[in-house]
Amino acid sequence: DVCSSDLAQGARRIADGDYEGRMHIAGRDEISTLAQSFNAMAAGLQDRERVRGLLGKVVSPAIAEELLRRPISLGGEEREVSVLFVDIRGFTARCEGTLPGDVLALLNRYLTRVTEAIEAEGGVVDKYIGDAVMALFGAPLACEDHAARAVRGALGVCRAVAVLNAELAAEGQAPLDVGVGINTAMVVAGNMGSASRMNY
């Protein structure tokens, strides 16, 4: 049977972030009923952490935290931000005659390097649009030096692509030529779309 010390030990595991453990319930007394509720709570917390982890892979972790922090609604707030765009020049022509799996492998290598360079300066990748990347500096987390961070992020992207191009040359592949653009302006930062499906 479950005793109060078992519940206390389970609570300590939960506090340490271990949501896997469950109480073995054999009786029908008040402690067993409490243990049943405890198991349901642990399962709910485990599901929430799994959703948080998945959400952080679908959108940036900063946007995921923003979405989880407050009720989700359509609309937003005006703020000045810097937006960085990166695009591979001539990528459509390069893909012609190339196997789709090879195109995807190259894109993933490139997007990984670009994303790392942007995030190193506190930028948030808002979306991937084929071979293009749109990143935000100053939203959803406000920062006063967003323009400088965007410029440093752009320079980091250029360095990252240069390293990738050296690797591609060693593999006998053509280099990537990227274009980078930055714009700083007032925007409405928030959720848009419909009540059932929205983007930040």
N, C-alpha and C. Protein backbone atom coordinates (compact mmCIF):
# COMPACT_ATOMS: atom_id res chain seq x y z
N ASP A 1 0.83 -1.19 0.00
CA ASP A 1 0.00 0.00 0.00
C ASP A 1 0.88 1.25 0.00
N VAL A 2 0.29 2.35 -0.48
CA VAL A 2 0.99 3.62 -0.50
C VAL A 2 0.94 4.24 0.89
N CYS A 3 2.07 4.81 1.31
CA CYS A 3 2.09 5.53 2.58
C CYS A 3 2.52 6.96 2.32
N SER A 4 2.41 7.80 3.35
CA SER A 4 2.71 9.23 3.18
C SER A 4 4.16 9.45 2.80
N SER A 5 5.08 8.59 3.23
CA SER A 5 6.50 8.77 2.87
C SER A 5 6.70 8.50 1.38
N ASP A 6 5.92 7.57 0.78
CA ASP A 6 5.98 7.32 -0.66
C ASP A 6 5.56 8.57 -1.43
N LEU A 7 4.49 9.21 -0.96
CA LEU A 7 4.02 10.44 -1.61
C LEU A 7 5.05 11.55 -1.50
N ALA A 8 5.68 11.65 -0.33
CA ALA A 8 6.70 12.68 -0.15
C ALA A 8 7.88 12.43 -1.08
N GLN A 9 8.29 11.19 -1.23
CA GLN A 9 9.40 10.84 -2.12
C GLN A 9 9.01 11.14 -3.57
N GLY A 10 7.78 10.81 -3.94
CA GLY A 10 7.30 11.12 -5.29
C GLY A 10 7.27 12.61 -5.55
N ALA A 11 6.86 13.39 -4.56
CA ALA A 11 6.83 14.85 -4.71
C ALA A 11 8.23 15.40 -4.92
N ARG A 12 9.23 14.82 -4.23
CA ARG A 12 10.62 15.26 -4.43
C ARG A 12 11.10 14.95 -5.84
N ARG A 13 10.70 13.78 -6.38
CA ARG A 13 11.09 13.44 -7.75
C ARG A 13 10.48 14.42 -8.75
N ILE A 14 9.22 14.75 -8.52
CA ILE A 14 8.55 15.72 -9.41
C ILE A 14 9.25 17.07 -9.33
N ALA A 15 9.60 17.51 -8.12
CA ALA A 15 10.29 18.79 -7.95
C ALA A 15 11.63 18.79 -8.69
N ASP A 16 12.25 17.62 -8.82
CA ASP A 16 13.52 17.50 -9.54
C ASP A 16 13.33 17.33 -11.04
N GLY A 17 12.08 17.34 -11.50
CA GLY A 17 11.80 17.24 -12.94
C GLY A 17 11.62 15.83 -13.46
N ASP A 18 11.51 14.85 -12.57
CA ASP A 18 11.29 13.46 -12.98
C ASP A 18 9.79 13.17 -12.89
N TYR A 19 9.14 13.11 -14.05
CA TYR A 19 7.69 12.89 -14.09
C TYR A 19 7.33 11.45 -14.45
N GLU A 20 8.32 10.58 -14.53
CA GLU A 20 8.10 9.20 -14.97
C GLU A 20 7.50 8.31 -13.88
N GLY A 21 7.92 8.51 -12.63
CA GLY A 21 7.52 7.62 -11.55
C GLY A 21 6.02 7.67 -11.25
N ARG A 22 5.48 6.53 -10.91
CA ARG A 22 4.07 6.45 -10.53
C ARG A 22 3.96 5.67 -9.23
N MET A 23 2.93 5.95 -8.46
CA MET A 23 2.65 5.24 -7.22
C MET A 23 1.90 3.95 -7.53
N HIS A 24 2.29 2.87 -6.86
CA HIS A 24 1.55 1.61 -6.97
C HIS A 24 0.36 1.69 -6.01
N ILE A 25 -0.83 1.54 -6.57
CA ILE A 25 -2.05 1.70 -5.76
C ILE A 25 -2.72 0.35 -5.61
N ALA A 26 -2.87 -0.09 -4.35
CA ALA A 26 -3.52 -1.38 -4.10
C ALA A 26 -4.78 -1.21 -3.25
N GLY A 27 -4.77 -0.22 -2.37
CA GLY A 27 -5.88 -0.06 -1.44
C GLY A 27 -6.96 0.88 -1.95
N ARG A 28 -7.94 1.15 -1.06
CA ARG A 28 -9.04 2.05 -1.39
C ARG A 28 -9.19 3.12 -0.31
N ASP A 29 -8.15 3.33 0.46
CA ASP A 29 -8.24 4.32 1.53
C ASP A 29 -7.93 5.72 0.99
N GLU A 30 -7.91 6.70 1.88
CA GLU A 30 -7.69 8.09 1.49
C GLU A 30 -6.30 8.30 0.89
N ILE A 31 -5.30 7.63 1.41
CA ILE A 31 -3.94 7.77 0.88
C ILE A 31 -3.88 7.21 -0.54
N SER A 32 -4.56 6.10 -0.79
CA SER A 32 -4.59 5.52 -2.14
C SER A 32 -5.30 6.46 -3.11
N THR A 33 -6.37 7.10 -2.67
CA THR A 33 -7.07 8.08 -3.52
C THR A 33 -6.16 9.26 -3.82
N LEU A 34 -5.41 9.70 -2.82
CA LEU A 34 -4.45 10.78 -3.02
C LEU A 34 -3.35 10.35 -3.99
N ALA A 35 -2.88 9.11 -3.87
CA ALA A 35 -1.85 8.59 -4.76
C ALA A 35 -2.36 8.54 -6.20
N GLN A 36 -3.63 8.19 -6.37
CA GLN A 36 -4.24 8.17 -7.71
C GLN A 36 -4.22 9.57 -8.32
N SER A 37 -4.57 10.57 -7.54
CA SER A 37 -4.53 11.96 -8.01
C SER A 37 -3.09 12.39 -8.31
N PHE A 38 -2.17 11.92 -7.46
CA PHE A 38 -0.76 12.23 -7.65
C PHE A 38 -0.28 11.67 -9.00
N ASN A 39 -0.65 10.43 -9.31
CA ASN A 39 -0.27 9.81 -10.58
C ASN A 39 -0.83 10.59 -11.77
N ALA A 40 -2.09 11.04 -11.64
CA ALA A 40 -2.71 11.83 -12.71
C ALA A 40 -1.97 13.15 -12.89
N MET A 41 -1.56 13.79 -11.77
CA MET A 41 -0.81 15.04 -11.85
C MET A 41 0.54 14.82 -12.53
N ALA A 42 1.25 13.75 -12.17
CA ALA A 42 2.55 13.46 -12.76
C ALA A 42 2.42 13.23 -14.27
N ALA A 43 1.37 12.50 -14.68
CA ALA A 43 1.14 12.26 -16.11
C ALA A 43 0.84 13.56 -16.84
N GLY A 44 0.05 14.44 -16.21
CA GLY A 44 -0.25 15.74 -16.82
C GLY A 44 1.00 16.60 -16.97
N LEU A 45 1.85 16.62 -15.96
CA LEU A 45 3.10 17.39 -16.04
C LEU A 45 4.03 16.81 -17.10
N GLN A 46 4.06 15.49 -17.20
CA GLN A 46 4.89 14.85 -18.22
C GLN A 46 4.41 15.23 -19.63
N ASP A 47 3.11 15.22 -19.84
CA ASP A 47 2.54 15.63 -21.13
C ASP A 47 2.86 17.09 -21.43
N ARG A 48 2.75 17.94 -20.41
CA ARG A 48 3.02 19.36 -20.61
C ARG A 48 4.48 19.59 -21.01
N GLU A 49 5.41 18.89 -20.38
CA GLU A 49 6.82 19.03 -20.73
C GLU A 49 7.09 18.52 -22.14
N ARG A 50 6.40 17.45 -22.53
CA ARG A 50 6.56 16.93 -23.90
C ARG A 50 6.04 17.94 -24.91
N VAL A 51 4.90 18.56 -24.64
CA VAL A 51 4.35 19.58 -25.54
C VAL A 51 5.28 20.79 -25.59
N ARG A 52 5.80 21.20 -24.45
CA ARG A 52 6.73 22.34 -24.41
C ARG A 52 7.97 22.03 -25.26
N GLY A 53 8.48 20.81 -25.14
CA GLY A 53 9.65 20.42 -25.92
C GLY A 53 9.37 20.40 -27.41
N LEU A 54 8.22 19.85 -27.79
CA LEU A 54 7.84 19.83 -29.20
C LEU A 54 7.60 21.23 -29.73
N LEU A 55 6.93 22.07 -28.95
CA LEU A 55 6.65 23.43 -29.37
C LEU A 55 7.95 24.20 -29.59
N GLY A 56 8.94 23.95 -28.72
CA GLY A 56 10.23 24.62 -28.85
C GLY A 56 11.01 24.20 -30.08
N LYS A 57 10.62 23.07 -30.70
CA LYS A 57 11.26 22.65 -31.94
C LYS A 57 10.51 23.17 -33.17
N VAL A 58 9.22 23.42 -33.01
CA VAL A 58 8.41 23.91 -34.12
C VAL A 58 8.56 25.43 -34.27
N VAL A 59 8.56 26.13 -33.15
CA VAL A 59 8.86 27.56 -33.15
C VAL A 59 10.07 27.75 -32.25
N SER A 60 10.63 28.93 -32.25
CA SER A 60 11.81 29.15 -31.42
C SER A 60 11.43 29.00 -29.94
N PRO A 61 12.41 28.60 -29.11
CA PRO A 61 12.11 28.47 -27.68
C PRO A 61 11.58 29.77 -27.07
N ALA A 62 12.07 30.93 -27.53
CA ALA A 62 11.59 32.21 -26.98
C ALA A 62 10.11 32.42 -27.31
N ILE A 63 9.72 32.11 -28.54
CA ILE A 63 8.31 32.25 -28.92
C ILE A 63 7.48 31.21 -28.18
N ALA A 64 7.99 30.00 -28.03
CA ALA A 64 7.27 28.97 -27.28
C ALA A 64 7.00 29.42 -25.85
N GLU A 65 8.01 29.99 -25.19
CA GLU A 65 7.83 30.48 -23.82
C GLU A 65 6.81 31.61 -23.77
N GLU A 66 6.85 32.50 -24.78
CA GLU A 66 5.89 33.60 -24.84
C GLU A 66 4.47 33.07 -24.99
N LEU A 67 4.30 32.05 -25.85
CA LEU A 67 2.98 31.47 -26.06
C LEU A 67 2.48 30.75 -24.82
N LEU A 68 3.38 30.11 -24.08
CA LEU A 68 2.98 29.37 -22.89
C LEU A 68 2.78 30.28 -21.67
N ARG A 69 3.37 31.46 -21.71
CA ARG A 69 3.37 32.36 -20.55
C ARG A 69 2.01 33.03 -20.33
N ARG A 70 1.30 33.31 -21.41
CA ARG A 70 0.03 34.02 -21.26
C ARG A 70 -1.03 33.43 -22.18
N PRO A 71 -2.29 33.76 -21.96
CA PRO A 71 -3.35 33.20 -22.81
C PRO A 71 -3.12 33.56 -24.28
N ILE A 72 -3.37 32.60 -25.15
CA ILE A 72 -3.17 32.83 -26.58
C ILE A 72 -4.39 33.54 -27.14
N SER A 73 -4.15 34.67 -27.78
CA SER A 73 -5.23 35.40 -28.43
C SER A 73 -4.67 36.08 -29.66
N LEU A 74 -5.57 36.42 -30.58
CA LEU A 74 -5.15 37.13 -31.77
C LEU A 74 -4.86 38.58 -31.41
N GLY A 75 -3.90 39.17 -32.11
CA GLY A 75 -3.54 40.56 -31.85
C GLY A 75 -2.12 40.66 -31.35
N GLY A 76 -1.71 41.88 -31.05
CA GLY A 76 -0.34 42.07 -30.59
C GLY A 76 -0.12 43.47 -30.10
N GLU A 77 1.15 43.83 -30.03
CA GLU A 77 1.52 45.16 -29.54
C GLU A 77 2.53 45.78 -30.49
N GLU A 78 2.47 47.11 -30.60
CA GLU A 78 3.43 47.82 -31.44
C GLU A 78 4.76 47.92 -30.72
N ARG A 79 5.83 47.64 -31.45
CA ARG A 79 7.17 47.83 -30.90
C ARG A 79 8.16 47.91 -32.05
N GLU A 80 9.28 48.54 -31.78
CA GLU A 80 10.33 48.63 -32.80
C GLU A 80 11.18 47.37 -32.72
N VAL A 81 11.36 46.73 -33.86
CA VAL A 81 12.19 45.53 -33.94
C VAL A 81 13.06 45.60 -35.18
N SER A 82 14.03 44.73 -35.23
CA SER A 82 14.84 44.55 -36.43
C SER A 82 14.59 43.16 -36.97
N VAL A 83 14.35 43.08 -38.26
CA VAL A 83 14.06 41.81 -38.91
C VAL A 83 15.19 41.51 -39.88
N LEU A 84 15.71 40.29 -39.79
CA LEU A 84 16.81 39.86 -40.64
C LEU A 84 16.31 38.79 -41.60
N PHE A 85 16.62 38.94 -42.87
CA PHE A 85 16.27 37.96 -43.89
C PHE A 85 17.55 37.40 -44.50
N VAL A 86 17.58 36.10 -44.71
CA VAL A 86 18.71 35.44 -45.38
C VAL A 86 18.12 34.53 -46.45
N ASP A 87 18.72 34.57 -47.63
CA ASP A 87 18.19 33.80 -48.75
C ASP A 87 19.36 33.31 -49.59
N ILE A 88 19.27 32.07 -50.08
CA ILE A 88 20.29 31.55 -50.99
C ILE A 88 19.97 32.03 -52.40
N ARG A 89 20.93 32.68 -53.03
CA ARG A 89 20.73 33.16 -54.41
C ARG A 89 20.87 32.01 -55.40
N GLY A 90 19.97 31.93 -56.35
CA GLY A 90 20.03 30.91 -57.40
C GLY A 90 19.80 29.49 -56.91
N PHE A 91 19.09 29.36 -55.80
CA PHE A 91 18.93 28.02 -55.22
C PHE A 91 18.01 27.14 -56.07
N THR A 92 16.99 27.73 -56.68
CA THR A 92 16.07 26.94 -57.51
C THR A 92 16.83 26.30 -58.67
N ALA A 93 17.68 27.08 -59.34
CA ALA A 93 18.46 26.55 -60.46
C ALA A 93 19.43 25.47 -59.97
N ARG A 94 20.00 25.69 -58.81
CA ARG A 94 20.95 24.71 -58.26
C ARG A 94 20.27 23.37 -57.98
N CYS A 95 18.99 23.42 -57.60
CA CYS A 95 18.27 22.19 -57.24
C CYS A 95 17.86 21.36 -58.44
N GLU A 96 17.80 21.97 -59.62
CA GLU A 96 17.36 21.23 -60.80
C GLU A 96 18.32 20.09 -61.08
N GLY A 97 17.77 18.89 -61.22
CA GLY A 97 18.59 17.72 -61.50
C GLY A 97 19.23 17.12 -60.26
N THR A 98 18.91 17.67 -59.08
CA THR A 98 19.46 17.14 -57.83
C THR A 98 18.38 16.33 -57.12
N LEU A 99 18.79 15.22 -56.52
CA LEU A 99 17.83 14.39 -55.80
C LEU A 99 17.24 15.17 -54.62
N PRO A 100 15.92 15.04 -54.38
CA PRO A 100 15.28 15.77 -53.29
C PRO A 100 15.95 15.53 -51.93
N GLY A 101 16.38 14.31 -51.67
CA GLY A 101 17.05 14.02 -50.40
C GLY A 101 18.35 14.78 -50.25
N ASP A 102 19.08 14.95 -51.37
CA ASP A 102 20.33 15.71 -51.33
C ASP A 102 20.07 17.19 -51.11
N VAL A 103 19.00 17.70 -51.72
CA VAL A 103 18.62 19.11 -51.52
C VAL A 103 18.27 19.34 -50.05
N LEU A 104 17.47 18.44 -49.49
CA LEU A 104 17.06 18.57 -48.09
C LEU A 104 18.27 18.50 -47.16
N ALA A 105 19.21 17.60 -47.44
CA ALA A 105 20.40 17.47 -46.59
C ALA A 105 21.22 18.76 -46.62
N LEU A 106 21.39 19.34 -47.80
CA LEU A 106 22.13 20.60 -47.91
C LEU A 106 21.40 21.73 -47.20
N LEU A 107 20.08 21.80 -47.41
CA LEU A 107 19.29 22.85 -46.75
C LEU A 107 19.39 22.74 -45.23
N ASN A 108 19.32 21.53 -44.70
CA ASN A 108 19.40 21.35 -43.25
C ASN A 108 20.76 21.77 -42.71
N ARG A 109 21.83 21.45 -43.42
CA ARG A 109 23.17 21.90 -43.00
C ARG A 109 23.24 23.43 -42.97
N TYR A 110 22.76 24.04 -44.05
CA TYR A 110 22.78 25.50 -44.17
C TYR A 110 21.90 26.16 -43.10
N LEU A 111 20.66 25.66 -42.93
CA LEU A 111 19.75 26.27 -41.97
C LEU A 111 20.24 26.11 -40.54
N THR A 112 20.90 25.00 -40.25
CA THR A 112 21.47 24.81 -38.91
C THR A 112 22.52 25.86 -38.62
N ARG A 113 23.42 26.10 -39.56
CA ARG A 113 24.49 27.10 -39.36
C ARG A 113 23.92 28.51 -39.24
N VAL A 114 22.96 28.84 -40.10
CA VAL A 114 22.36 30.17 -40.08
C VAL A 114 21.61 30.39 -38.76
N THR A 115 20.85 29.40 -38.34
CA THR A 115 20.09 29.51 -37.10
C THR A 115 21.02 29.71 -35.91
N GLU A 116 22.11 28.95 -35.85
CA GLU A 116 23.06 29.09 -34.74
C GLU A 116 23.65 30.49 -34.69
N ALA A 117 23.98 31.05 -35.86
CA ALA A 117 24.56 32.40 -35.90
C ALA A 117 23.56 33.44 -35.43
N ILE A 118 22.30 33.28 -35.81
CA ILE A 118 21.26 34.23 -35.40
C ILE A 118 21.00 34.13 -33.90
N GLU A 119 20.86 32.92 -33.41
CA GLU A 119 20.57 32.73 -31.98
C GLU A 119 21.74 33.14 -31.09
N ALA A 120 22.96 33.09 -31.62
CA ALA A 120 24.13 33.52 -30.84
C ALA A 120 24.05 35.00 -30.49
N GLU A 121 23.30 35.78 -31.26
CA GLU A 121 23.14 37.21 -30.99
C GLU A 121 21.78 37.54 -30.38
N GLY A 122 21.07 36.51 -29.92
CA GLY A 122 19.78 36.74 -29.28
C GLY A 122 18.63 36.88 -30.25
N GLY A 123 18.84 36.55 -31.51
CA GLY A 123 17.76 36.60 -32.49
C GLY A 123 16.86 35.38 -32.38
N VAL A 124 15.65 35.51 -32.90
CA VAL A 124 14.65 34.45 -32.87
C VAL A 124 14.26 34.15 -34.31
N VAL A 125 14.49 32.91 -34.74
CA VAL A 125 14.06 32.52 -36.08
C VAL A 125 12.54 32.44 -36.07
N ASP A 126 11.92 33.31 -36.86
CA ASP A 126 10.46 33.35 -36.92
C ASP A 126 9.95 32.26 -37.85
N LYS A 127 10.59 32.09 -39.00
CA LYS A 127 10.15 31.06 -39.94
C LYS A 127 11.22 30.75 -40.97
N TYR A 128 11.12 29.54 -41.50
CA TYR A 128 11.90 29.13 -42.67
C TYR A 128 10.94 29.14 -43.85
N ILE A 129 11.36 29.75 -44.93
CA ILE A 129 10.53 29.82 -46.14
C ILE A 129 11.37 29.22 -47.26
N GLY A 130 11.31 27.90 -47.40
CA GLY A 130 12.20 27.24 -48.35
C GLY A 130 13.63 27.42 -47.90
N ASP A 131 14.45 28.08 -48.74
CA ASP A 131 15.84 28.33 -48.37
C ASP A 131 16.02 29.69 -47.69
N ALA A 132 14.94 30.39 -47.44
CA ALA A 132 15.02 31.70 -46.78
C ALA A 132 14.75 31.57 -45.29
N VAL A 133 15.34 32.49 -44.54
CA VAL A 133 15.15 32.54 -43.09
C VAL A 133 14.70 33.95 -42.74
N MET A 134 13.69 34.04 -41.88
CA MET A 134 13.25 35.33 -41.34
C MET A 134 13.45 35.28 -39.84
N ALA A 135 14.23 36.22 -39.31
CA ALA A 135 14.55 36.23 -37.89
C ALA A 135 14.22 37.58 -37.28
N LEU A 136 13.84 37.56 -36.00
CA LEU A 136 13.45 38.77 -35.28
C LEU A 136 14.48 39.09 -34.20
N PHE A 137 14.75 40.36 -34.05
CA PHE A 137 15.56 40.88 -32.96
C PHE A 137 14.74 41.95 -32.27
N GLY A 138 14.40 41.72 -31.00
CA GLY A 138 13.56 42.67 -30.27
C GLY A 138 12.14 42.18 -30.05
N ALA A 139 11.81 41.00 -30.53
CA ALA A 139 10.51 40.38 -30.31
C ALA A 139 10.70 38.87 -30.38
N PRO A 140 10.03 38.08 -29.59
CA PRO A 140 9.07 38.49 -28.58
C PRO A 140 9.71 39.08 -27.33
N LEU A 141 11.02 38.91 -27.17
CA LEU A 141 11.70 39.49 -26.02
C LEU A 141 12.30 40.82 -26.41
N ALA A 142 11.86 41.88 -25.74
CA ALA A 142 12.33 43.23 -26.08
C ALA A 142 13.79 43.39 -25.68
N CYS A 143 14.54 44.12 -26.51
CA CYS A 143 15.91 44.50 -26.18
C CYS A 143 16.21 45.81 -26.91
N GLU A 144 16.91 46.71 -26.23
CA GLU A 144 17.15 48.04 -26.80
C GLU A 144 18.14 48.01 -27.95
N ASP A 145 19.08 47.06 -27.95
CA ASP A 145 20.12 47.04 -28.99
C ASP A 145 19.80 46.06 -30.11
N HIS A 146 18.51 45.91 -30.44
CA HIS A 146 18.10 44.93 -31.44
C HIS A 146 18.74 45.17 -32.80
N ALA A 147 18.93 46.43 -33.20
CA ALA A 147 19.53 46.71 -34.51
C ALA A 147 20.98 46.25 -34.55
N ALA A 148 21.73 46.54 -33.50
CA ALA A 148 23.13 46.11 -33.44
C ALA A 148 23.22 44.59 -33.41
N ARG A 149 22.32 43.96 -32.67
CA ARG A 149 22.32 42.50 -32.62
C ARG A 149 22.02 41.91 -34.00
N ALA A 150 21.09 42.53 -34.74
CA ALA A 150 20.76 42.05 -36.07
C ALA A 150 21.96 42.15 -37.01
N VAL A 151 22.70 43.24 -36.91
CA VAL A 151 23.90 43.41 -37.75
C VAL A 151 24.95 42.36 -37.37
N ARG A 152 25.17 42.17 -36.06
CA ARG A 152 26.13 41.14 -35.64
C ARG A 152 25.66 39.75 -36.07
N GLY A 153 24.33 39.52 -36.01
CA GLY A 153 23.79 38.25 -36.48
C GLY A 153 24.04 38.05 -37.96
N ALA A 154 23.86 39.11 -38.76
CA ALA A 154 24.10 39.03 -40.20
C ALA A 154 25.57 38.71 -40.48
N LEU A 155 26.47 39.37 -39.76
CA LEU A 155 27.90 39.09 -39.94
C LEU A 155 28.22 37.64 -39.54
N GLY A 156 27.58 37.16 -38.47
CA GLY A 156 27.76 35.78 -38.06
C GLY A 156 27.26 34.81 -39.11
N VAL A 157 26.14 35.14 -39.76
CA VAL A 157 25.61 34.31 -40.84
C VAL A 157 26.62 34.23 -41.97
N CYS A 158 27.21 35.37 -42.34
CA CYS A 158 28.20 35.39 -43.43
C CYS A 158 29.41 34.52 -43.08
N ARG A 159 29.87 34.60 -41.83
CA ARG A 159 31.00 33.77 -41.41
C ARG A 159 30.62 32.29 -41.44
N ALA A 160 29.42 31.97 -40.96
CA ALA A 160 28.96 30.58 -40.93
C ALA A 160 28.85 30.00 -42.33
N VAL A 161 28.34 30.78 -43.27
CA VAL A 161 28.21 30.32 -44.65
C VAL A 161 29.59 30.14 -45.28
N ALA A 162 30.54 31.01 -44.93
CA ALA A 162 31.91 30.86 -45.45
C ALA A 162 32.52 29.54 -44.99
N VAL A 163 32.31 29.19 -43.72
CA VAL A 163 32.81 27.90 -43.21
C VAL A 163 32.12 26.75 -43.93
N LEU A 164 30.81 26.84 -44.10
CA LEU A 164 30.08 25.80 -44.81
C LEU A 164 30.58 25.68 -46.25
N ASN A 165 30.84 26.80 -46.90
CA ASN A 165 31.33 26.78 -48.28
C ASN A 165 32.69 26.09 -48.39
N ALA A 166 33.54 26.29 -47.39
CA ALA A 166 34.84 25.60 -47.38
C ALA A 166 34.63 24.09 -47.29
N GLU A 167 33.67 23.67 -46.47
CA GLU A 167 33.35 22.24 -46.36
C GLU A 167 32.80 21.71 -47.68
N LEU A 168 31.91 22.49 -48.31
CA LEU A 168 31.33 22.06 -49.58
C LEU A 168 32.40 21.94 -50.66
N ALA A 169 33.35 22.89 -50.69
CA ALA A 169 34.43 22.84 -51.68
C ALA A 169 35.26 21.58 -51.49
N ALA A 170 35.53 21.22 -50.22
CA ALA A 170 36.30 20.01 -49.93
C ALA A 170 35.55 18.75 -50.38
N GLU A 171 34.22 18.85 -50.46
CA GLU A 171 33.39 17.73 -50.90
C GLU A 171 33.12 17.76 -52.40
N GLY A 172 33.69 18.76 -53.08
CA GLY A 172 33.49 18.88 -54.53
C GLY A 172 32.17 19.50 -54.92
N GLN A 173 31.54 20.24 -54.01
CA GLN A 173 30.26 20.88 -54.29
C GLN A 173 30.45 22.37 -54.50
N ALA A 174 29.53 22.97 -55.24
CA ALA A 174 29.56 24.41 -55.49
C ALA A 174 29.20 25.16 -54.20
N PRO A 175 29.76 26.36 -54.02
CA PRO A 175 29.45 27.14 -52.81
C PRO A 175 28.04 27.72 -52.87
N LEU A 176 27.57 28.14 -51.70
CA LEU A 176 26.29 28.83 -51.60
C LEU A 176 26.55 30.33 -51.62
N ASP A 177 25.72 31.05 -52.36
CA ASP A 177 25.79 32.51 -52.39
C ASP A 177 24.53 33.02 -51.69
N VAL A 178 24.70 33.74 -50.58
CA VAL A 178 23.53 34.18 -49.83
C VAL A 178 23.39 35.70 -49.89
N GLY A 179 22.15 36.13 -49.82
CA GLY A 179 21.83 37.53 -49.66
C GLY A 179 21.29 37.75 -48.26
N VAL A 180 21.67 38.86 -47.64
CA VAL A 180 21.22 39.16 -46.28
C VAL A 180 20.63 40.57 -46.29
N GLY A 181 19.46 40.71 -45.69
CA GLY A 181 18.85 42.03 -45.57
C GLY A 181 18.35 42.25 -44.15
N ILE A 182 18.41 43.50 -43.71
CA ILE A 182 17.93 43.87 -42.37
C ILE A 182 17.04 45.08 -42.50
N ASN A 183 15.93 45.07 -41.77
CA ASN A 183 15.08 46.25 -41.71
C ASN A 183 14.68 46.49 -40.25
N THR A 184 14.77 47.75 -39.82
CA THR A 184 14.34 48.13 -38.47
C THR A 184 13.15 49.05 -38.62
N ALA A 185 12.06 48.70 -37.93
CA ALA A 185 10.83 49.49 -38.07
C ALA A 185 9.88 49.15 -36.93
N MET A 186 8.81 49.95 -36.84
CA MET A 186 7.72 49.64 -35.93
C MET A 186 6.89 48.53 -36.54
N VAL A 187 6.56 47.52 -35.75
CA VAL A 187 5.74 46.40 -36.22
C VAL A 187 4.68 46.13 -35.17
N VAL A 188 3.71 45.31 -35.53
CA VAL A 188 2.79 44.75 -34.56
C VAL A 188 3.27 43.33 -34.33
N ALA A 189 3.76 43.06 -33.13
CA ALA A 189 4.27 41.73 -32.78
C ALA A 189 3.20 41.01 -31.97
N GLY A 190 2.79 39.86 -32.46
CA GLY A 190 1.77 39.09 -31.76
C GLY A 190 1.26 37.97 -32.62
N ASN A 191 0.09 37.48 -32.29
CA ASN A 191 -0.48 36.34 -32.99
C ASN A 191 -1.47 36.79 -34.05
N MET A 192 -1.34 36.20 -35.26
CA MET A 192 -2.28 36.49 -36.34
C MET A 192 -2.73 35.18 -36.95
N GLY A 193 -3.87 35.21 -37.56
CA GLY A 193 -4.42 34.01 -38.19
C GLY A 193 -5.88 33.86 -37.84
N SER A 194 -6.25 32.66 -37.38
CA SER A 194 -7.62 32.40 -36.98
C SER A 194 -7.60 31.84 -35.56
N ALA A 195 -8.76 31.69 -34.99
CA ALA A 195 -8.85 31.18 -33.61
C ALA A 195 -8.33 29.76 -33.51
N SER A 196 -8.36 29.00 -34.63
CA SER A 196 -7.94 27.60 -34.59
C SER A 196 -6.51 27.40 -35.06
N ARG A 197 -5.95 28.35 -35.78
CA ARG A 197 -4.56 28.21 -36.26
C ARG A 197 -3.94 29.58 -36.40
N MET A 198 -2.81 29.77 -35.74
CA MET A 198 -2.20 31.11 -35.78
C MET A 198 -0.69 31.02 -35.83
N ASN A 199 -0.08 32.12 -36.27
CA ASN A 199 1.37 32.29 -36.27
C ASN A 199 1.71 33.48 -35.41
N TYR A 200 2.92 33.46 -34.81
CA TYR A 200 3.39 34.62 -34.06
C TYR A 200 3.90 35.63 -35.06
